[in-house]
Amino acid sequence: MHESGENYLETILVLEQKNGSVRSIDIANELEYTKPSISRAMGILRKDGFITMENSGRILLTPSGREKANKIYERHLLLTRFLVLTLSVDEETAAKDACRIEHVISAESFAKVKEFVEKEDRK
């Protein structure tokens, strides 16, 4: 999956947690993208089996979509925490940087970051 698809899934998950439900307009407003861009992306995610769309316009993550979104969001949160803990990066900058890193980090490196953050949080 491309970085943009991962960003859409993560955004759907976060908006769902924040608002209870998600529509295309919510995603457009959150990401500051045009409605046609969101519509095209939702069509691809639906075709790939990551979301379903109700007649009302409500967007729902499928089980595979939710699993993927949760993994992406976990990477985001842990990388943000890692940057704050290890480099004293301010939270806002760390979150922006984590958003970029989360899509390219290897499984091995992420496992080490996760191990480090969990160890620090147990202290």
N, C-alpha and C. Protein backbone atom coordinates (compact mmCIF):
# COMPACT_ATOMS: atom_id res chain seq x y z
N MET A 1 0.85 -1.19 0.00
CA MET A 1 0.00 0.00 0.00
C MET A 1 0.89 1.24 0.00
N HIS A 2 0.45 2.23 -0.74
CA HIS A 2 1.19 3.49 -0.81
C HIS A 2 1.00 4.31 0.46
N GLU A 3 1.91 5.24 0.68
CA GLU A 3 1.86 6.11 1.84
C GLU A 3 0.53 6.85 1.93
N SER A 4 0.01 7.31 0.80
CA SER A 4 -1.24 8.06 0.83
C SER A 4 -2.39 7.19 1.33
N GLY A 5 -2.44 5.94 0.91
CA GLY A 5 -3.48 5.03 1.38
C GLY A 5 -3.38 4.81 2.88
N GLU A 6 -2.15 4.66 3.36
CA GLU A 6 -1.94 4.50 4.80
C GLU A 6 -2.40 5.74 5.55
N ASN A 7 -2.11 6.91 5.00
CA ASN A 7 -2.54 8.16 5.65
C ASN A 7 -4.06 8.25 5.72
N TYR A 8 -4.74 7.85 4.66
CA TYR A 8 -6.20 7.88 4.67
C TYR A 8 -6.76 6.92 5.72
N LEU A 9 -6.23 5.71 5.79
CA LEU A 9 -6.72 4.75 6.78
C LEU A 9 -6.49 5.27 8.20
N GLU A 10 -5.31 5.81 8.45
CA GLU A 10 -5.01 6.36 9.78
C GLU A 10 -5.96 7.51 10.10
N THR A 11 -6.22 8.37 9.14
CA THR A 11 -7.12 9.50 9.35
C THR A 11 -8.53 9.02 9.65
N ILE A 12 -9.00 8.01 8.92
CA ILE A 12 -10.33 7.46 9.18
C ILE A 12 -10.40 6.93 10.61
N LEU A 13 -9.38 6.19 11.04
CA LEU A 13 -9.36 5.65 12.39
C LEU A 13 -9.40 6.75 13.44
N VAL A 14 -8.55 7.76 13.28
CA VAL A 14 -8.48 8.86 14.25
C VAL A 14 -9.79 9.64 14.30
N LEU A 15 -10.36 9.93 13.13
CA LEU A 15 -11.63 10.65 13.11
C LEU A 15 -12.76 9.83 13.70
N GLU A 16 -12.74 8.54 13.47
CA GLU A 16 -13.75 7.65 14.05
C GLU A 16 -13.66 7.69 15.58
N GLN A 17 -12.43 7.64 16.10
CA GLN A 17 -12.24 7.68 17.55
C GLN A 17 -12.68 9.03 18.13
N LYS A 18 -12.44 10.08 17.37
CA LYS A 18 -12.75 11.44 17.83
C LYS A 18 -14.23 11.78 17.69
N ASN A 19 -14.83 11.39 16.56
CA ASN A 19 -16.20 11.83 16.25
C ASN A 19 -17.25 10.73 16.30
N GLY A 20 -16.83 9.49 16.33
CA GLY A 20 -17.79 8.39 16.34
C GLY A 20 -18.12 7.86 14.95
N SER A 21 -18.13 8.74 13.96
CA SER A 21 -18.37 8.30 12.58
C SER A 21 -17.58 9.21 11.65
N VAL A 22 -17.41 8.74 10.41
CA VAL A 22 -16.58 9.46 9.44
C VAL A 22 -17.28 9.51 8.10
N ARG A 23 -17.25 10.69 7.48
CA ARG A 23 -17.73 10.88 6.12
C ARG A 23 -16.58 11.46 5.30
N SER A 24 -16.71 11.42 4.00
CA SER A 24 -15.67 11.94 3.12
C SER A 24 -15.33 13.40 3.43
N ILE A 25 -16.34 14.19 3.71
CA ILE A 25 -16.12 15.61 4.00
C ILE A 25 -15.25 15.80 5.25
N ASP A 26 -15.41 14.89 6.22
CA ASP A 26 -14.59 14.97 7.43
C ASP A 26 -13.11 14.76 7.09
N ILE A 27 -12.86 13.80 6.21
CA ILE A 27 -11.49 13.50 5.80
C ILE A 27 -10.93 14.68 5.00
N ALA A 28 -11.73 15.22 4.10
CA ALA A 28 -11.31 16.38 3.30
C ALA A 28 -10.94 17.55 4.21
N ASN A 29 -11.76 17.81 5.21
CA ASN A 29 -11.49 18.91 6.13
C ASN A 29 -10.24 18.65 6.96
N GLU A 30 -10.08 17.44 7.43
CA GLU A 30 -8.93 17.09 8.28
C GLU A 30 -7.62 17.20 7.50
N LEU A 31 -7.60 16.69 6.29
CA LEU A 31 -6.36 16.65 5.51
C LEU A 31 -6.19 17.86 4.59
N GLU A 32 -7.24 18.68 4.52
CA GLU A 32 -7.25 19.84 3.64
C GLU A 32 -7.02 19.45 2.18
N TYR A 33 -7.73 18.39 1.76
CA TYR A 33 -7.71 17.92 0.38
C TYR A 33 -9.05 18.23 -0.25
N THR A 34 -9.11 18.18 -1.57
CA THR A 34 -10.37 18.44 -2.26
C THR A 34 -11.29 17.22 -2.15
N LYS A 35 -12.58 17.47 -2.28
CA LYS A 35 -13.55 16.38 -2.24
C LYS A 35 -13.32 15.35 -3.35
N PRO A 36 -13.00 15.80 -4.59
CA PRO A 36 -12.73 14.80 -5.63
C PRO A 36 -11.53 13.90 -5.29
N SER A 37 -10.49 14.45 -4.68
CA SER A 37 -9.33 13.65 -4.28
C SER A 37 -9.74 12.59 -3.26
N ILE A 38 -10.55 12.99 -2.30
CA ILE A 38 -11.02 12.07 -1.26
C ILE A 38 -11.90 10.99 -1.88
N SER A 39 -12.78 11.40 -2.78
CA SER A 39 -13.68 10.45 -3.43
C SER A 39 -12.89 9.39 -4.19
N ARG A 40 -11.88 9.80 -4.92
CA ARG A 40 -11.04 8.86 -5.66
C ARG A 40 -10.33 7.90 -4.71
N ALA A 41 -9.76 8.45 -3.64
CA ALA A 41 -9.04 7.62 -2.66
C ALA A 41 -9.97 6.62 -1.98
N MET A 42 -11.19 7.07 -1.63
CA MET A 42 -12.14 6.17 -0.97
C MET A 42 -12.54 5.05 -1.92
N GLY A 43 -12.65 5.36 -3.21
CA GLY A 43 -12.97 4.33 -4.19
C GLY A 43 -11.89 3.26 -4.25
N ILE A 44 -10.64 3.69 -4.20
CA ILE A 44 -9.52 2.73 -4.20
C ILE A 44 -9.52 1.90 -2.93
N LEU A 45 -9.70 2.56 -1.78
CA LEU A 45 -9.72 1.81 -0.50
C LEU A 45 -10.88 0.83 -0.45
N ARG A 46 -12.03 1.22 -1.02
CA ARG A 46 -13.19 0.32 -1.06
C ARG A 46 -12.91 -0.88 -1.97
N LYS A 47 -12.35 -0.60 -3.15
CA LYS A 47 -12.00 -1.66 -4.10
C LYS A 47 -11.00 -2.64 -3.50
N ASP A 48 -10.07 -2.13 -2.71
CA ASP A 48 -9.04 -2.97 -2.08
C ASP A 48 -9.52 -3.67 -0.81
N GLY A 49 -10.77 -3.39 -0.41
CA GLY A 49 -11.35 -4.09 0.73
C GLY A 49 -11.02 -3.52 2.10
N PHE A 50 -10.55 -2.27 2.15
CA PHE A 50 -10.18 -1.67 3.43
C PHE A 50 -11.32 -0.88 4.08
N ILE A 51 -12.29 -0.45 3.26
CA ILE A 51 -13.43 0.30 3.80
C ILE A 51 -14.71 -0.14 3.10
N THR A 52 -15.82 0.18 3.74
CA THR A 52 -17.13 0.11 3.10
C THR A 52 -17.76 1.48 3.27
N MET A 53 -18.71 1.78 2.40
CA MET A 53 -19.41 3.05 2.50
C MET A 53 -20.91 2.79 2.53
N GLU A 54 -21.56 3.35 3.55
CA GLU A 54 -23.00 3.20 3.67
C GLU A 54 -23.68 4.18 2.72
N ASN A 55 -24.96 3.93 2.44
CA ASN A 55 -25.73 4.84 1.59
C ASN A 55 -25.77 6.25 2.15
N SER A 56 -25.67 6.36 3.46
CA SER A 56 -25.70 7.67 4.13
C SER A 56 -24.39 8.44 3.94
N GLY A 57 -23.37 7.76 3.39
CA GLY A 57 -22.06 8.40 3.21
C GLY A 57 -21.07 8.08 4.31
N ARG A 58 -21.52 7.38 5.31
CA ARG A 58 -20.65 7.00 6.42
C ARG A 58 -19.61 5.98 5.94
N ILE A 59 -18.36 6.20 6.33
CA ILE A 59 -17.26 5.33 5.94
C ILE A 59 -16.90 4.43 7.12
N LEU A 60 -16.82 3.14 6.85
CA LEU A 60 -16.49 2.17 7.89
C LEU A 60 -15.25 1.38 7.49
N LEU A 61 -14.36 1.16 8.44
CA LEU A 61 -13.20 0.31 8.20
C LEU A 61 -13.64 -1.15 8.22
N THR A 62 -13.16 -1.93 7.28
CA THR A 62 -13.39 -3.37 7.31
C THR A 62 -12.41 -3.95 8.34
N PRO A 63 -12.56 -5.23 8.69
CA PRO A 63 -11.58 -5.81 9.63
C PRO A 63 -10.13 -5.66 9.15
N SER A 64 -9.88 -5.88 7.86
CA SER A 64 -8.50 -5.73 7.36
C SER A 64 -8.10 -4.26 7.33
N GLY A 65 -9.04 -3.36 7.05
CA GLY A 65 -8.76 -1.93 7.08
C GLY A 65 -8.44 -1.44 8.48
N ARG A 66 -9.21 -1.95 9.45
CA ARG A 66 -8.97 -1.57 10.85
C ARG A 66 -7.62 -2.10 11.33
N GLU A 67 -7.30 -3.32 10.96
CA GLU A 67 -6.01 -3.89 11.35
C GLU A 67 -4.85 -3.06 10.79
N LYS A 68 -4.95 -2.70 9.53
CA LYS A 68 -3.90 -1.89 8.88
C LYS A 68 -3.83 -0.51 9.53
N ALA A 69 -4.97 0.12 9.75
CA ALA A 69 -5.02 1.45 10.36
C ALA A 69 -4.43 1.43 11.77
N ASN A 70 -4.76 0.41 12.54
CA ASN A 70 -4.22 0.31 13.90
C ASN A 70 -2.70 0.16 13.89
N LYS A 71 -2.17 -0.61 12.96
CA LYS A 71 -0.71 -0.78 12.87
C LYS A 71 -0.03 0.54 12.51
N ILE A 72 -0.61 1.25 11.58
CA ILE A 72 -0.05 2.54 11.17
C ILE A 72 -0.10 3.53 12.33
N TYR A 73 -1.23 3.58 13.01
CA TYR A 73 -1.40 4.52 14.12
C TYR A 73 -0.47 4.16 15.28
N GLU A 74 -0.28 2.87 15.53
CA GLU A 74 0.67 2.45 16.57
C GLU A 74 2.07 2.95 16.23
N ARG A 75 2.47 2.79 14.98
CA ARG A 75 3.79 3.28 14.55
C ARG A 75 3.89 4.78 14.79
N HIS A 76 2.84 5.49 14.42
CA HIS A 76 2.82 6.95 14.59
C HIS A 76 3.01 7.34 16.05
N LEU A 77 2.22 6.73 16.92
CA LEU A 77 2.29 7.06 18.35
C LEU A 77 3.64 6.70 18.95
N LEU A 78 4.15 5.52 18.64
CA LEU A 78 5.43 5.10 19.21
C LEU A 78 6.60 5.92 18.67
N LEU A 79 6.58 6.23 17.39
CA LEU A 79 7.65 7.06 16.83
C LEU A 79 7.62 8.47 17.40
N THR A 80 6.43 9.01 17.59
CA THR A 80 6.30 10.32 18.21
C THR A 80 6.90 10.29 19.61
N ARG A 81 6.52 9.29 20.37
CA ARG A 81 7.02 9.15 21.75
C ARG A 81 8.54 8.98 21.76
N PHE A 82 9.06 8.18 20.83
CA PHE A 82 10.50 7.95 20.72
C PHE A 82 11.25 9.26 20.46
N LEU A 83 10.76 10.07 19.54
CA LEU A 83 11.43 11.34 19.24
C LEU A 83 11.40 12.30 20.42
N VAL A 84 10.31 12.29 21.15
CA VAL A 84 10.20 13.15 22.33
C VAL A 84 11.14 12.65 23.43
N LEU A 85 11.13 11.34 23.68
CA LEU A 85 11.96 10.76 24.75
C LEU A 85 13.45 10.87 24.48
N THR A 86 13.86 10.52 23.29
CA THR A 86 15.30 10.39 23.02
C THR A 86 15.95 11.69 22.56
N LEU A 87 15.21 12.51 21.85
CA LEU A 87 15.81 13.71 21.27
C LEU A 87 15.22 15.01 21.82
N SER A 88 14.26 14.88 22.71
CA SER A 88 13.58 16.06 23.30
C SER A 88 12.94 16.95 22.24
N VAL A 89 12.46 16.32 21.17
CA VAL A 89 11.75 17.05 20.14
C VAL A 89 10.39 17.44 20.70
N ASP A 90 9.93 18.67 20.40
CA ASP A 90 8.62 19.06 20.91
C ASP A 90 7.54 18.18 20.27
N GLU A 91 6.45 18.01 20.98
CA GLU A 91 5.38 17.07 20.60
C GLU A 91 4.86 17.30 19.18
N GLU A 92 4.62 18.55 18.83
CA GLU A 92 4.05 18.86 17.51
C GLU A 92 5.02 18.47 16.39
N THR A 93 6.28 18.83 16.54
CA THR A 93 7.29 18.48 15.53
C THR A 93 7.48 16.98 15.47
N ALA A 94 7.51 16.34 16.63
CA ALA A 94 7.68 14.88 16.68
C ALA A 94 6.54 14.18 15.96
N ALA A 95 5.32 14.65 16.14
CA ALA A 95 4.16 14.04 15.48
C ALA A 95 4.25 14.20 13.96
N LYS A 96 4.66 15.38 13.50
CA LYS A 96 4.81 15.60 12.06
C LYS A 96 5.90 14.71 11.48
N ASP A 97 7.03 14.63 12.18
CA ASP A 97 8.13 13.78 11.71
C ASP A 97 7.75 12.31 11.74
N ALA A 98 7.07 11.90 12.79
CA ALA A 98 6.62 10.50 12.90
C ALA A 98 5.71 10.14 11.74
N CYS A 99 4.90 11.09 11.30
CA CYS A 99 3.98 10.84 10.18
C CYS A 99 4.75 10.50 8.91
N ARG A 100 5.91 11.08 8.76
CA ARG A 100 6.74 10.77 7.58
C ARG A 100 7.48 9.45 7.76
N ILE A 101 8.04 9.26 8.94
CA ILE A 101 8.88 8.09 9.22
C ILE A 101 8.06 6.81 9.23
N GLU A 102 6.83 6.87 9.72
CA GLU A 102 6.02 5.66 9.91
C GLU A 102 5.81 4.86 8.63
N HIS A 103 5.94 5.49 7.49
CA HIS A 103 5.68 4.81 6.22
C HIS A 103 6.91 4.14 5.63
N VAL A 104 8.10 4.48 6.12
CA VAL A 104 9.33 3.96 5.51
C VAL A 104 10.21 3.15 6.46
N ILE A 105 9.89 3.18 7.74
CA ILE A 105 10.73 2.48 8.71
C ILE A 105 10.62 0.97 8.51
N SER A 106 11.75 0.29 8.64
CA SER A 106 11.75 -1.17 8.49
C SER A 106 11.10 -1.82 9.71
N ALA A 107 10.67 -3.04 9.54
CA ALA A 107 10.07 -3.80 10.64
C ALA A 107 11.09 -3.98 11.77
N GLU A 108 12.33 -4.24 11.41
CA GLU A 108 13.38 -4.43 12.41
C GLU A 108 13.62 -3.17 13.23
N SER A 109 13.75 -2.04 12.55
CA SER A 109 13.97 -0.78 13.27
C SER A 109 12.77 -0.42 14.12
N PHE A 110 11.56 -0.62 13.58
CA PHE A 110 10.38 -0.29 14.37
C PHE A 110 10.30 -1.17 15.61
N ALA A 111 10.63 -2.43 15.49
CA ALA A 111 10.61 -3.33 16.65
C ALA A 111 11.55 -2.83 17.74
N LYS A 112 12.70 -2.32 17.35
CA LYS A 112 13.66 -1.78 18.33
C LYS A 112 13.15 -0.49 18.96
N VAL A 113 12.52 0.37 18.16
CA VAL A 113 11.93 1.59 18.70
C VAL A 113 10.85 1.23 19.70
N LYS A 114 10.00 0.28 19.34
CA LYS A 114 8.91 -0.14 20.23
C LYS A 114 9.47 -0.71 21.53
N GLU A 115 10.48 -1.55 21.42
CA GLU A 115 11.12 -2.13 22.59
C GLU A 115 11.68 -1.03 23.50
N PHE A 116 12.34 -0.05 22.92
CA PHE A 116 12.93 1.05 23.68
C PHE A 116 11.85 1.86 24.40
N VAL A 117 10.81 2.25 23.67
CA VAL A 117 9.75 3.08 24.27
C VAL A 117 9.04 2.32 25.38
N GLU A 118 8.74 1.05 25.16
CA GLU A 118 8.06 0.27 26.20
C GLU A 118 8.93 0.12 27.43
N LYS A 119 10.22 -0.05 27.24
CA LYS A 119 11.17 -0.17 28.35
C LYS A 119 11.21 1.16 29.13
N GLU A 120 11.25 2.28 28.42
CA GLU A 120 11.27 3.59 29.06
C GLU A 120 9.98 3.85 29.83
N ASP A 121 8.86 3.43 29.28
CA ASP A 121 7.56 3.67 29.92
C ASP A 121 7.39 2.81 31.18
N ARG A 122 8.14 1.73 31.28
CA ARG A 122 8.06 0.87 32.48
C ARG A 122 8.90 1.42 33.64
N LYS A 123 9.80 2.34 33.34
CA LYS A 123 10.68 2.91 34.38
C LYS A 123 9.91 3.72 35.39
